[in-house]
């Protein structure tokens, strides 16, 4: 990547993600699996490199994945060549048939920091469901606000399988008015002191307050909405938890 793209997972970002998150956390995986049945048509938008999709496939579920990052989807296909994946922007995708179950993991809906666009995407996802379908997803909350740091600092440093040093430098700024956490980063790949590759990323997330997403979901037509504060399905009562987990039906 030669330019900064908001929330786009490029090659170095994908490589670091794979090193740090090779598998889905078991409690989160179990949470999404709890809604799945073998005869369902399942979709995971923003599926990334497949750390949730592949375990669904391994268990015999009929699941498709979609992501904008070609780099992420290439990693997924290396793990499961038979996986059905769609390379598309979520706002442009139009499925041929509706789905019984759609889930978006790991707070990825928070990546939609434009609230008008976010509402449009959620409306679209609702339209992709069968009349009895379920939409399950997570968002980050205001409990995740980072302290402002105006200078780039090394936040992660790992070794790649080739023995190179892969480094993430990042800084943070929170805009309270828009509830947006700005965390621009620079991914760098070194062979000793030699810089091999440099990849900027403009990472932004919208951090939600309690009741904020629920109001949006009701406005677009979901009538059955349950908000959890944990993967053990404890009901959320405030925004002191790190994530809100939503179970939505029409």
Protein backbone atom coordinates (compact mmCIF):
# COMPACT_ATOMS: atom_id res chain seq x y z
CA UNK A 1 0.00 0.00 0.00
CA UNK A 2 1.34 3.37 -1.01
CA UNK A 3 -1.30 5.44 0.74
CA UNK A 4 -3.19 5.42 3.99
CA UNK A 5 -6.57 3.70 3.69
CA UNK A 6 -9.03 3.85 6.57
CA UNK A 7 -9.28 0.49 8.33
CA UNK A 8 -7.86 -1.45 5.36
CA UNK A 9 -5.88 -4.53 6.36
CA UNK A 10 -2.85 -4.58 4.05
CA UNK A 11 -0.12 -7.19 3.76
CA UNK A 12 1.93 -6.24 6.85
CA UNK A 13 -1.17 -5.63 8.95
CA UNK A 14 -2.49 -9.04 7.88
CA UNK A 15 0.84 -10.72 8.70
CA UNK A 16 0.91 -9.19 12.19
CA UNK A 17 -2.74 -10.09 12.78
CA UNK A 18 -2.03 -13.71 11.87
CA UNK A 19 0.92 -13.88 14.27
CA UNK A 20 -0.99 -12.29 17.17
CA UNK A 21 -4.39 -13.92 16.54
CA UNK A 22 -3.85 -17.34 14.90
CA UNK A 23 -7.10 -18.73 16.31
CA UNK A 24 -10.42 -17.37 17.49
CA UNK A 25 -10.82 -17.05 21.27
CA UNK A 26 -12.79 -20.11 22.33
CA UNK A 27 -15.42 -18.21 24.32
CA UNK A 28 -16.15 -15.88 21.42
CA UNK A 29 -16.22 -18.76 18.92
CA UNK A 30 -18.64 -20.69 21.15
CA UNK A 31 -20.87 -17.61 21.37
CA UNK A 32 -21.29 -17.38 17.58
CA UNK A 33 -21.55 -21.15 17.20
CA UNK A 34 -24.44 -21.23 19.69
CA UNK A 35 -26.72 -19.62 17.08
CA UNK A 36 -25.77 -21.92 14.20
CA UNK A 37 -27.66 -24.95 12.93
CA UNK A 38 -26.56 -27.34 10.20
CA UNK A 39 -29.37 -26.50 7.76
CA UNK A 40 -28.78 -22.73 7.96
CA UNK A 41 -27.32 -20.52 5.25
CA UNK A 42 -24.73 -18.52 7.20
CA UNK A 43 -22.79 -15.39 6.23
CA UNK A 44 -19.82 -13.81 7.97
CA UNK A 45 -19.19 -10.33 6.54
CA UNK A 46 -15.79 -8.87 7.42
CA UNK A 47 -14.52 -12.43 7.83
CA UNK A 48 -10.85 -11.46 7.55
CA UNK A 49 -8.43 -14.37 7.47
CA UNK A 50 -11.05 -16.83 8.65
CA UNK A 51 -10.30 -17.46 12.29
CA UNK A 52 -14.06 -17.83 12.87
CA UNK A 53 -15.15 -18.99 9.43
CA UNK A 54 -12.72 -21.94 9.24
CA UNK A 55 -13.93 -23.51 12.54
CA UNK A 56 -17.51 -23.19 11.24
CA UNK A 57 -16.45 -25.01 8.07
CA UNK A 58 -14.66 -27.68 10.09
CA UNK A 59 -17.91 -28.35 11.95
CA UNK A 60 -19.86 -28.83 8.73
CA UNK A 61 -21.78 -25.56 8.59
CA UNK A 62 -22.85 -23.98 5.31
CA UNK A 63 -21.04 -20.64 5.62
CA UNK A 64 -19.84 -17.95 3.23
CA UNK A 65 -17.41 -15.16 4.04
CA UNK A 66 -16.93 -11.68 2.66
CA UNK A 67 -14.15 -9.13 3.07
CA UNK A 68 -12.69 -6.13 1.27
CA UNK A 69 -9.08 -7.08 2.07
CA UNK A 70 -7.69 -9.33 -0.64
CA UNK A 71 -4.68 -9.95 1.62
CA UNK A 72 -6.90 -11.31 4.39
CA UNK A 73 -8.88 -13.52 2.01
CA UNK A 74 -5.66 -14.99 0.59
CA UNK A 75 -4.70 -16.09 4.11
CA UNK A 76 -8.15 -17.61 4.55
CA UNK A 77 -7.89 -19.60 1.33
CA UNK A 78 -4.50 -20.93 2.42
CA UNK A 79 -6.22 -22.38 5.49
CA UNK A 80 -9.35 -23.64 3.71
CA UNK A 81 -9.13 -23.75 -0.08
CA UNK A 82 -12.75 -24.96 -0.28
CA UNK A 83 -14.13 -21.93 1.55
CA UNK A 84 -16.69 -19.84 -0.32
CA UNK A 85 -15.56 -16.24 0.01
CA UNK A 86 -16.57 -13.01 -1.67
CA UNK A 87 -14.11 -10.19 -2.28
CA UNK A 88 -16.34 -7.15 -1.94
CA UNK A 89 -17.06 -3.96 -0.08
CA UNK A 90 -19.94 -4.76 2.27
CA UNK A 91 -21.98 -1.83 0.97
CA UNK A 92 -21.78 -3.11 -2.62
CA UNK A 93 -22.53 -6.81 -2.07
CA UNK A 94 -25.95 -8.15 -3.08
CA UNK A 95 -26.60 -11.83 -2.22
CA UNK A 96 -28.62 -14.04 -4.56
CA UNK A 97 -30.48 -15.64 -1.62
CA UNK A 98 -31.22 -14.51 1.96
CA UNK A 99 -29.38 -15.91 4.96
CA UNK A 100 -30.69 -17.60 8.08
CA UNK A 101 -27.85 -16.32 10.24
CA UNK A 102 -25.39 -13.45 9.81
CA UNK A 103 -22.67 -12.67 12.33
CA UNK A 104 -19.88 -10.11 12.48
CA UNK A 105 -17.22 -10.84 15.09
CA UNK A 106 -14.69 -8.96 17.19
CA UNK A 107 -16.27 -5.52 17.26
CA UNK A 108 -15.75 -5.03 13.52
CA UNK A 109 -18.99 -3.02 13.18
CA UNK A 110 -17.19 -0.31 15.17
CA UNK A 111 -14.99 0.22 12.10
CA UNK A 112 -17.93 2.03 10.48
CA UNK A 113 -17.28 5.44 12.02
CA UNK A 114 -19.61 7.31 9.66
CA UNK A 115 -22.93 6.79 11.46
CA UNK A 116 -25.01 7.44 8.34
CA UNK A 117 -23.06 4.75 6.49
CA UNK A 118 -23.21 2.43 9.50
CA UNK A 119 -27.00 2.71 9.62
CA UNK A 120 -27.19 2.03 5.88
CA UNK A 121 -25.03 -1.09 6.24
CA UNK A 122 -27.09 -2.40 9.16
CA UNK A 123 -30.27 -1.84 7.15
CA UNK A 124 -28.73 -3.77 4.28
CA UNK A 125 -27.75 -6.66 6.56
CA UNK A 126 -31.31 -6.79 7.90
CA UNK A 127 -32.58 -7.03 4.32
CA UNK A 128 -30.31 -10.03 3.68
CA UNK A 129 -32.02 -12.09 6.40
CA UNK A 130 -34.83 -14.59 6.00
CA UNK A 131 -38.05 -13.65 7.92
CA UNK A 132 -36.87 -15.80 10.86
CA UNK A 133 -33.17 -15.01 10.48
CA UNK A 134 -30.83 -13.74 13.19
CA UNK A 135 -28.12 -11.08 13.05
CA UNK A 136 -25.47 -11.29 15.79
CA UNK A 137 -22.55 -8.88 16.15
CA UNK A 138 -20.30 -7.01 18.54
CA UNK A 139 -19.18 -3.40 18.95
CA UNK A 140 -16.57 -1.74 21.12
CA UNK A 141 -17.72 0.51 23.96
CA UNK A 142 -16.50 3.78 25.46
CA UNK A 143 -14.70 1.66 28.07
CA UNK A 144 -12.03 1.21 25.35
CA UNK A 145 -11.01 4.88 25.15
CA UNK A 146 -7.21 5.12 24.93
CA UNK A 147 -5.14 7.87 26.48
CA UNK A 148 -4.09 10.45 23.90
CA UNK A 149 -0.58 9.94 22.58
CA UNK A 150 0.47 12.39 19.87
CA UNK A 151 3.79 10.69 19.08
CA UNK A 152 4.23 7.35 17.38
CA UNK A 153 5.35 4.67 19.80
CA UNK A 154 6.28 1.04 19.18
CA UNK A 155 3.25 -0.88 20.41
CA UNK A 156 4.04 -4.34 18.98
CA UNK A 157 7.22 -6.04 17.80
CA UNK A 158 7.31 -9.65 16.57
CA UNK A 159 9.47 -11.99 14.53
CA UNK A 160 8.11 -13.33 11.24
CA UNK A 161 8.69 -16.92 10.16
CA UNK A 162 11.47 -15.60 7.90
CA UNK A 163 13.21 -14.09 10.91
CA UNK A 164 12.40 -10.48 10.03
CA UNK A 165 11.26 -7.92 12.61
CA UNK A 166 7.68 -6.77 12.11
CA UNK A 167 6.91 -3.63 14.08
CA UNK A 168 3.75 -1.60 14.64
CA UNK A 169 4.14 2.03 15.65
CA UNK A 170 0.93 3.77 16.66
CA UNK A 171 -0.54 6.80 18.38
CA UNK A 172 -4.00 7.60 19.73
CA UNK A 173 -6.48 10.43 19.84
CA UNK A 174 -10.09 10.26 21.02
CA UNK A 175 -12.69 12.68 19.69
CA UNK A 176 -15.45 12.81 22.30
CA UNK A 177 -17.95 14.62 20.07
CA UNK A 178 -17.99 11.88 17.40
CA UNK A 179 -17.00 9.11 19.86
CA UNK A 180 -14.24 8.11 17.45
CA UNK A 181 -10.99 6.54 18.57
CA UNK A 182 -8.29 7.47 16.07
CA UNK A 183 -5.31 5.09 16.18
CA UNK A 184 -3.15 5.66 13.10
CA UNK A 185 -0.38 3.14 12.72
CA UNK A 186 2.74 2.42 10.69
CA UNK A 187 3.69 -1.21 10.04
CA UNK A 188 7.37 -1.72 9.28
CA UNK A 189 9.28 -4.82 8.22
CA UNK A 190 13.01 -4.91 9.00
CA UNK A 191 15.87 -7.21 8.14
CA UNK A 192 18.26 -6.09 10.84
CA UNK A 193 18.59 -2.34 10.33
CA UNK A 194 17.30 -2.47 6.74
CA UNK A 195 13.70 -1.32 6.23
CA UNK A 196 12.12 -3.72 3.76
CA UNK A 197 8.54 -2.46 3.74
CA UNK A 198 6.52 0.38 5.18
CA UNK A 199 2.72 0.30 5.40
CA UNK A 200 0.56 3.04 6.97
CA UNK A 201 -2.94 2.42 8.25
CA UNK A 202 -5.58 4.91 9.36
CA UNK A 203 -7.32 2.82 12.03
CA UNK A 204 -10.54 4.32 13.43
CA UNK A 205 -13.33 2.91 15.59
CA UNK A 206 -16.59 4.29 16.89
CA UNK A 207 -16.97 3.57 20.62
CA UNK A 208 -20.56 3.03 21.71
CA UNK A 209 -22.49 4.16 24.74
CA UNK A 210 -25.19 1.98 26.30
CA UNK A 211 -28.45 2.28 24.34
CA UNK A 212 -26.90 3.99 21.32
CA UNK A 213 -26.83 1.00 18.97
CA UNK A 214 -30.18 -0.31 20.25
CA UNK A 215 -31.87 2.91 19.11
CA UNK A 216 -30.37 2.56 15.65
CA UNK A 217 -31.40 -1.09 15.34
CA UNK A 218 -35.00 -0.29 16.33
CA UNK A 219 -35.10 2.58 13.84
CA UNK A 220 -34.18 0.29 10.93
CA UNK A 221 -36.80 -2.29 11.87
CA UNK A 222 -35.37 -4.89 14.24
CA UNK A 223 -38.03 -5.64 16.89
CA UNK A 224 -36.29 -8.30 18.97
CA UNK A 225 -32.96 -7.01 20.29
CA UNK A 226 -30.96 -8.46 23.17
CA UNK A 227 -27.76 -6.79 24.37
CA UNK A 228 -25.12 -8.84 26.17
CA UNK A 229 -22.00 -7.69 27.98
CA UNK A 230 -20.10 -10.97 27.68
CA UNK A 231 -19.83 -14.13 25.61
CA UNK A 232 -21.55 -15.94 28.49
CA UNK A 233 -24.69 -13.95 27.52
CA UNK A 234 -24.85 -11.78 30.62
CA UNK A 235 -27.22 -8.90 29.93
CA UNK A 236 -25.61 -5.48 29.52
CA UNK A 237 -26.76 -2.84 32.02
CA UNK A 238 -24.27 -0.03 31.32
CA UNK A 239 -21.29 0.76 29.09
CA UNK A 240 -18.55 -0.30 31.51
CA UNK A 241 -18.04 -3.57 29.62
CA UNK A 242 -15.50 -3.69 26.77
CA UNK A 243 -18.00 -4.96 24.19
CA UNK A 244 -21.71 -5.02 23.50
CA UNK A 245 -22.96 -8.21 21.85
CA UNK A 246 -26.24 -7.91 19.97
CA UNK A 247 -28.73 -10.63 19.07
CA UNK A 248 -31.24 -9.22 16.58
CA UNK A 249 -34.37 -10.54 14.89
CA UNK A 250 -37.00 -8.90 12.72
